[in-house]
Amino acid sequence: MPAVTVQQQLERRQAIARLLEEHEIARQSELVELLRAEGYPATQSSVSRDLRNLGAARFGDRYRLAERSGGGTAQPLEVIGQFVREVRPAGPHLLVISTAVGAAQRVALTLDRVGWPEIVGTLSGDDTIFVATSSAATQRRVRSRLRQYLSEASQ
């Protein structure tokens, strides 16, 4: 397969965004097939990189674009609640959130974009997120709000 130009890569990513909105895509192989049918060169590894670059991830039974769901948040808090396993304080200004393996970045992105003024910032790994708050009181508020969303997600 010949080298893909930057312009072709951008066009393929635009096509991926459109396809994710038009179809319920559960597997990357489905996306590869749809792209190839439209004439875009694609492999599973290129689609994986493109999805990561677009901020897309699999939530529930299909892939979704983070920035296009939930009215401006990366994913609705009720949706990401299914990936959160535990929220615990670590000192007066830090929360540690344990998630399902591979879900921490998605959850952290949601928290970054949800716009809660109590959250100063987040740092995520594969299954752990550190959430910085400005005070012990704001830490308690964030923890309480998260618990509320988590309980709604489990109902």
C-alpha atoms as a PDB file:
ATOM      1  CA  MET A   1       0.000   0.000   0.000  1.00  0.00           C
ATOM      2  CA  PRO A   2       1.512   3.400  -0.954  1.00  0.00           C
ATOM      3  CA  ALA A   3       2.236   5.991   1.736  1.00  0.00           C
ATOM      4  CA  VAL A   4      -0.777   7.975   2.859  1.00  0.00           C
ATOM      5  CA  THR A   5      -0.472  11.764   2.660  1.00  0.00           C
ATOM      6  CA  VAL A   6      -1.441  14.064   5.489  1.00  0.00           C
ATOM      7  CA  GLN A   7      -4.406  15.277   3.426  1.00  0.00           C
ATOM      8  CA  GLN A   8      -5.603  11.685   2.873  1.00  0.00           C
ATOM      9  CA  GLN A   9      -5.270  11.013   6.586  1.00  0.00           C
ATOM     10  CA  LEU A  10      -7.341  14.110   7.432  1.00  0.00           C
ATOM     11  CA  GLU A  11     -10.004  13.111   4.906  1.00  0.00           C
ATOM     12  CA  ARG A  12     -10.104   9.569   6.326  1.00  0.00           C
ATOM     13  CA  ARG A  13     -10.539  10.970   9.847  1.00  0.00           C
ATOM     14  CA  GLN A  14     -13.395  13.175   8.674  1.00  0.00           C
ATOM     15  CA  ALA A  15     -14.974  10.108   7.087  1.00  0.00           C
ATOM     16  CA  ILE A  16     -14.551   8.186  10.344  1.00  0.00           C
ATOM     17  CA  ALA A  17     -16.294  10.963  12.294  1.00  0.00           C
ATOM     18  CA  ARG A  18     -19.166  10.936   9.805  1.00  0.00           C
ATOM     19  CA  LEU A  19     -19.428   7.135   9.817  1.00  0.00           C
ATOM     20  CA  LEU A  20     -19.509   7.021  13.612  1.00  0.00           C
ATOM     21  CA  GLU A  21     -22.457   9.405  13.566  1.00  0.00           C
ATOM     22  CA  GLU A  22     -24.289   7.554  10.789  1.00  0.00           C
ATOM     23  CA  HIS A  23     -23.705   3.960  11.927  1.00  0.00           C
ATOM     24  CA  GLU A  24     -23.537   1.996  15.144  1.00  0.00           C
ATOM     25  CA  ILE A  25     -20.028   0.600  14.812  1.00  0.00           C
ATOM     26  CA  ALA A  26     -19.066  -2.010  17.381  1.00  0.00           C
ATOM     27  CA  ARG A  27     -15.721  -3.172  15.962  1.00  0.00           C
ATOM     28  CA  GLN A  28     -12.795  -1.469  14.293  1.00  0.00           C
ATOM     29  CA  SER A  29     -12.948  -4.068  11.519  1.00  0.00           C
ATOM     30  CA  GLU A  30     -16.434  -2.791  10.601  1.00  0.00           C
ATOM     31  CA  LEU A  31     -15.022   0.702  10.307  1.00  0.00           C
ATOM     32  CA  VAL A  32     -12.156  -0.548   8.112  1.00  0.00           C
ATOM     33  CA  GLU A  33     -14.683  -2.200   5.783  1.00  0.00           C
ATOM     34  CA  LEU A  34     -16.858   0.934   5.561  1.00  0.00           C
ATOM     35  CA  LEU A  35     -13.838   3.124   4.849  1.00  0.00           C
ATOM     36  CA  ARG A  36     -12.531   0.791   2.154  1.00  0.00           C
ATOM     37  CA  ALA A  37     -15.991   0.696   0.559  1.00  0.00           C
ATOM     38  CA  GLU A  38     -15.791   4.494   0.291  1.00  0.00           C
ATOM     39  CA  GLY A  39     -12.309   4.332  -1.223  1.00  0.00           C
ATOM     40  CA  TYR A  40     -10.222   5.268   1.819  1.00  0.00           C
ATOM     41  CA  PRO A  41      -7.083   3.218   2.433  1.00  0.00           C
ATOM     42  CA  ALA A  42      -7.433   1.797   5.951  1.00  0.00           C
ATOM     43  CA  THR A  43      -6.041  -0.915   8.165  1.00  0.00           C
ATOM     44  CA  GLN A  44      -7.030  -1.853  11.683  1.00  0.00           C
ATOM     45  CA  SER A  45      -3.912  -0.150  13.057  1.00  0.00           C
ATOM     46  CA  SER A  46      -4.529   3.076  11.092  1.00  0.00           C
ATOM     47  CA  VAL A  47      -8.154   3.134  12.230  1.00  0.00           C
ATOM     48  CA  SER A  48      -7.057   2.558  15.830  1.00  0.00           C
ATOM     49  CA  ARG A  49      -4.681   5.547  15.625  1.00  0.00           C
ATOM     50  CA  ASP A  50      -7.362   7.669  13.949  1.00  0.00           C
ATOM     51  CA  LEU A  51      -9.935   6.841  16.620  1.00  0.00           C
ATOM     52  CA  ARG A  52      -7.451   7.771  19.337  1.00  0.00           C
ATOM     53  CA  ASN A  53      -6.591  11.018  17.529  1.00  0.00           C
ATOM     54  CA  LEU A  54     -10.283  11.898  17.158  1.00  0.00           C
ATOM     55  CA  GLY A  55     -10.944  11.244  20.839  1.00  0.00           C
ATOM     56  CA  ALA A  56     -13.301   8.400  19.968  1.00  0.00           C
ATOM     57  CA  ALA A  57     -13.701   5.378  22.171  1.00  0.00           C
ATOM     58  CA  ARG A  58     -15.936   2.420  22.618  1.00  0.00           C
ATOM     59  CA  PHE A  59     -18.688   3.093  25.117  1.00  0.00           C
ATOM     60  CA  GLY A  60     -21.218   0.402  25.728  1.00  0.00           C
ATOM     61  CA  ASP A  61     -21.693  -1.482  22.501  1.00  0.00           C
ATOM     62  CA  ARG A  62     -20.294   1.013  19.989  1.00  0.00           C
ATOM     63  CA  TYR A  63     -17.646   3.599  19.198  1.00  0.00           C
ATOM     64  CA  ARG A  64     -18.511   7.233  19.816  1.00  0.00           C
ATOM     65  CA  LEU A  65     -16.819  10.582  19.353  1.00  0.00           C
ATOM     66  CA  ALA A  66     -16.111  12.082  22.742  1.00  0.00           C
ATOM     67  CA  GLU A  67     -16.654  15.734  21.909  1.00  0.00           C
ATOM     68  CA  ARG A  68     -19.941  15.154  20.100  1.00  0.00           C
ATOM     69  CA  SER A  69     -21.903  13.447  22.814  1.00  0.00           C
ATOM     70  CA  GLY A  70     -23.446  14.654  26.006  1.00  0.00           C
ATOM     71  CA  GLY A  71     -24.005  18.315  25.212  1.00  0.00           C
ATOM     72  CA  GLY A  72     -20.388  19.408  25.288  1.00  0.00           C
ATOM     73  CA  THR A  73     -18.943  16.889  27.695  1.00  0.00           C
ATOM     74  CA  ALA A  74     -16.725  14.084  26.520  1.00  0.00           C
ATOM     75  CA  GLN A  75     -19.319  11.518  27.552  1.00  0.00           C
ATOM     76  CA  PRO A  76     -22.345  12.017  29.761  1.00  0.00           C
ATOM     77  CA  LEU A  77     -21.371  11.419  33.360  1.00  0.00           C
ATOM     78  CA  GLU A  78     -24.081   8.779  33.598  1.00  0.00           C
ATOM     79  CA  VAL A  79     -22.396   6.855  30.761  1.00  0.00           C
ATOM     80  CA  ILE A  80     -18.865   7.006  32.140  1.00  0.00           C
ATOM     81  CA  GLY A  81     -20.189   5.930  35.523  1.00  0.00           C
ATOM     82  CA  GLN A  82     -20.235   2.360  34.286  1.00  0.00           C
ATOM     83  CA  PHE A  83     -16.426   2.476  34.026  1.00  0.00           C
ATOM     84  CA  VAL A  84     -15.687   3.943  37.456  1.00  0.00           C
ATOM     85  CA  ARG A  85     -14.891   1.375  40.130  1.00  0.00           C
ATOM     86  CA  GLU A  86     -13.916   3.540  43.123  1.00  0.00           C
ATOM     87  CA  VAL A  87     -13.457   7.180  44.168  1.00  0.00           C
ATOM     88  CA  ARG A  88     -11.314   7.864  47.227  1.00  0.00           C
ATOM     89  CA  PRO A  89      -9.532  10.884  48.691  1.00  0.00           C
ATOM     90  CA  ALA A  90      -5.747  11.117  48.848  1.00  0.00           C
ATOM     91  CA  GLY A  91      -4.943  14.059  51.070  1.00  0.00           C
ATOM     92  CA  PRO A  92      -6.986  17.276  51.124  1.00  0.00           C
ATOM     93  CA  HIS A  93      -6.649  18.253  47.439  1.00  0.00           C
ATOM     94  CA  LEU A  94      -6.608  15.005  45.492  1.00  0.00           C
ATOM     95  CA  LEU A  95      -9.088  12.310  44.524  1.00  0.00           C
ATOM     96  CA  VAL A  96      -8.029   8.956  43.121  1.00  0.00           C
ATOM     97  CA  ILE A  97     -10.513   7.360  40.746  1.00  0.00           C
ATOM     98  CA  SER A  98     -10.103   3.708  39.794  1.00  0.00           C
ATOM     99  CA  THR A  99     -11.681   2.694  36.486  1.00  0.00           C
ATOM    100  CA  ALA A 100     -12.040  -0.337  34.284  1.00  0.00           C
ATOM    101  CA  VAL A 101      -8.815  -1.100  32.432  1.00  0.00           C
ATOM    102  CA  GLY A 102      -8.406   1.264  29.491  1.00  0.00           C
ATOM    103  CA  ALA A 103     -11.160   3.671  30.573  1.00  0.00           C
ATOM    104  CA  ALA A 104      -9.235   6.206  32.667  1.00  0.00           C
ATOM    105  CA  GLN A 105      -8.395   8.592  29.823  1.00  0.00           C
ATOM    106  CA  ARG A 106     -12.022   8.716  28.659  1.00  0.00           C
ATOM    107  CA  VAL A 107     -13.284   9.390  32.178  1.00  0.00           C
ATOM    108  CA  ALA A 108     -10.598  12.026  32.795  1.00  0.00           C
ATOM    109  CA  LEU A 109     -11.440  13.761  29.511  1.00  0.00           C
ATOM    110  CA  THR A 110     -15.066  13.907  30.577  1.00  0.00           C
ATOM    111  CA  LEU A 111     -14.129  15.404  33.925  1.00  0.00           C
ATOM    112  CA  ASP A 112     -11.891  17.964  32.205  1.00  0.00           C
ATOM    113  CA  ARG A 113     -14.685  19.023  29.859  1.00  0.00           C
ATOM    114  CA  VAL A 114     -17.636  18.902  32.221  1.00  0.00           C
ATOM    115  CA  GLY A 115     -16.677  22.341  33.494  1.00  0.00           C
ATOM    116  CA  TRP A 116     -16.906  21.801  37.235  1.00  0.00           C
ATOM    117  CA  PRO A 117     -15.070  24.749  38.786  1.00  0.00           C
ATOM    118  CA  GLU A 118     -13.910  22.595  41.698  1.00  0.00           C
ATOM    119  CA  ILE A 119     -11.663  20.533  39.400  1.00  0.00           C
ATOM    120  CA  VAL A 120      -8.266  22.125  38.844  1.00  0.00           C
ATOM    121  CA  GLY A 121      -7.065  19.317  36.564  1.00  0.00           C
ATOM    122  CA  THR A 122      -6.774  15.602  35.983  1.00  0.00           C
ATOM    123  CA  LEU A 123      -3.989  13.154  35.253  1.00  0.00           C
ATOM    124  CA  SER A 124      -4.810   9.681  33.982  1.00  0.00           C
ATOM    125  CA  GLY A 125      -3.137   6.412  33.304  1.00  0.00           C
ATOM    126  CA  ASP A 126      -4.754   3.241  32.057  1.00  0.00           C
ATOM    127  CA  ASP A 127      -7.082   2.557  34.984  1.00  0.00           C
ATOM    128  CA  THR A 128      -6.337   5.339  37.500  1.00  0.00           C
ATOM    129  CA  ILE A 129      -7.076   9.069  37.537  1.00  0.00           C
ATOM    130  CA  PHE A 130      -5.797  11.757  39.871  1.00  0.00           C
ATOM    131  CA  VAL A 131      -8.220  14.666  40.198  1.00  0.00           C
ATOM    132  CA  ALA A 132      -6.752  17.842  41.705  1.00  0.00           C
ATOM    133  CA  THR A 133      -9.040  20.215  43.598  1.00  0.00           C
ATOM    134  CA  SER A 134      -8.289  23.606  45.112  1.00  0.00           C
ATOM    135  CA  SER A 135      -9.305  22.774  48.689  1.00  0.00           C
ATOM    136  CA  ALA A 136     -10.574  20.063  50.991  1.00  0.00           C
ATOM    137  CA  ALA A 137     -14.104  21.478  50.692  1.00  0.00           C
ATOM    138  CA  THR A 138     -14.044  21.372  46.885  1.00  0.00           C
ATOM    139  CA  GLN A 139     -12.640  17.846  47.047  1.00  0.00           C
ATOM    140  CA  ARG A 140     -15.669  16.797  49.120  1.00  0.00           C
ATOM    141  CA  ARG A 141     -18.050  18.495  46.645  1.00  0.00           C
ATOM    142  CA  VAL A 142     -16.497  16.719  43.659  1.00  0.00           C
ATOM    143  CA  ARG A 143     -16.573  13.388  45.462  1.00  0.00           C
ATOM    144  CA  SER A 144     -20.218  13.912  46.401  1.00  0.00           C
ATOM    145  CA  ARG A 145     -21.181  14.874  42.833  1.00  0.00           C
ATOM    146  CA  LEU A 146     -19.362  11.876  41.418  1.00  0.00           C
ATOM    147  CA  ARG A 147     -21.118   9.559  43.860  1.00  0.00           C
ATOM    148  CA  GLN A 148     -24.455  11.013  42.751  1.00  0.00           C
ATOM    149  CA  TYR A 149     -23.704  10.268  39.083  1.00  0.00           C
ATOM    150  CA  LEU A 150     -22.326   6.848  39.890  1.00  0.00           C
ATOM    151  CA  SER A 151     -25.462   5.892  41.806  1.00  0.00           C
ATOM    152  CA  GLU A 152     -27.621   7.125  38.893  1.00  0.00           C
ATOM    153  CA  ALA A 153     -25.535   5.053  36.462  1.00  0.00           C
ATOM    154  CA  SER A 154     -26.030   1.885  38.508  1.00  0.00           C
ATOM    155  CA  GLN A 155     -29.823   2.195  38.620  1.00  0.00           C
END
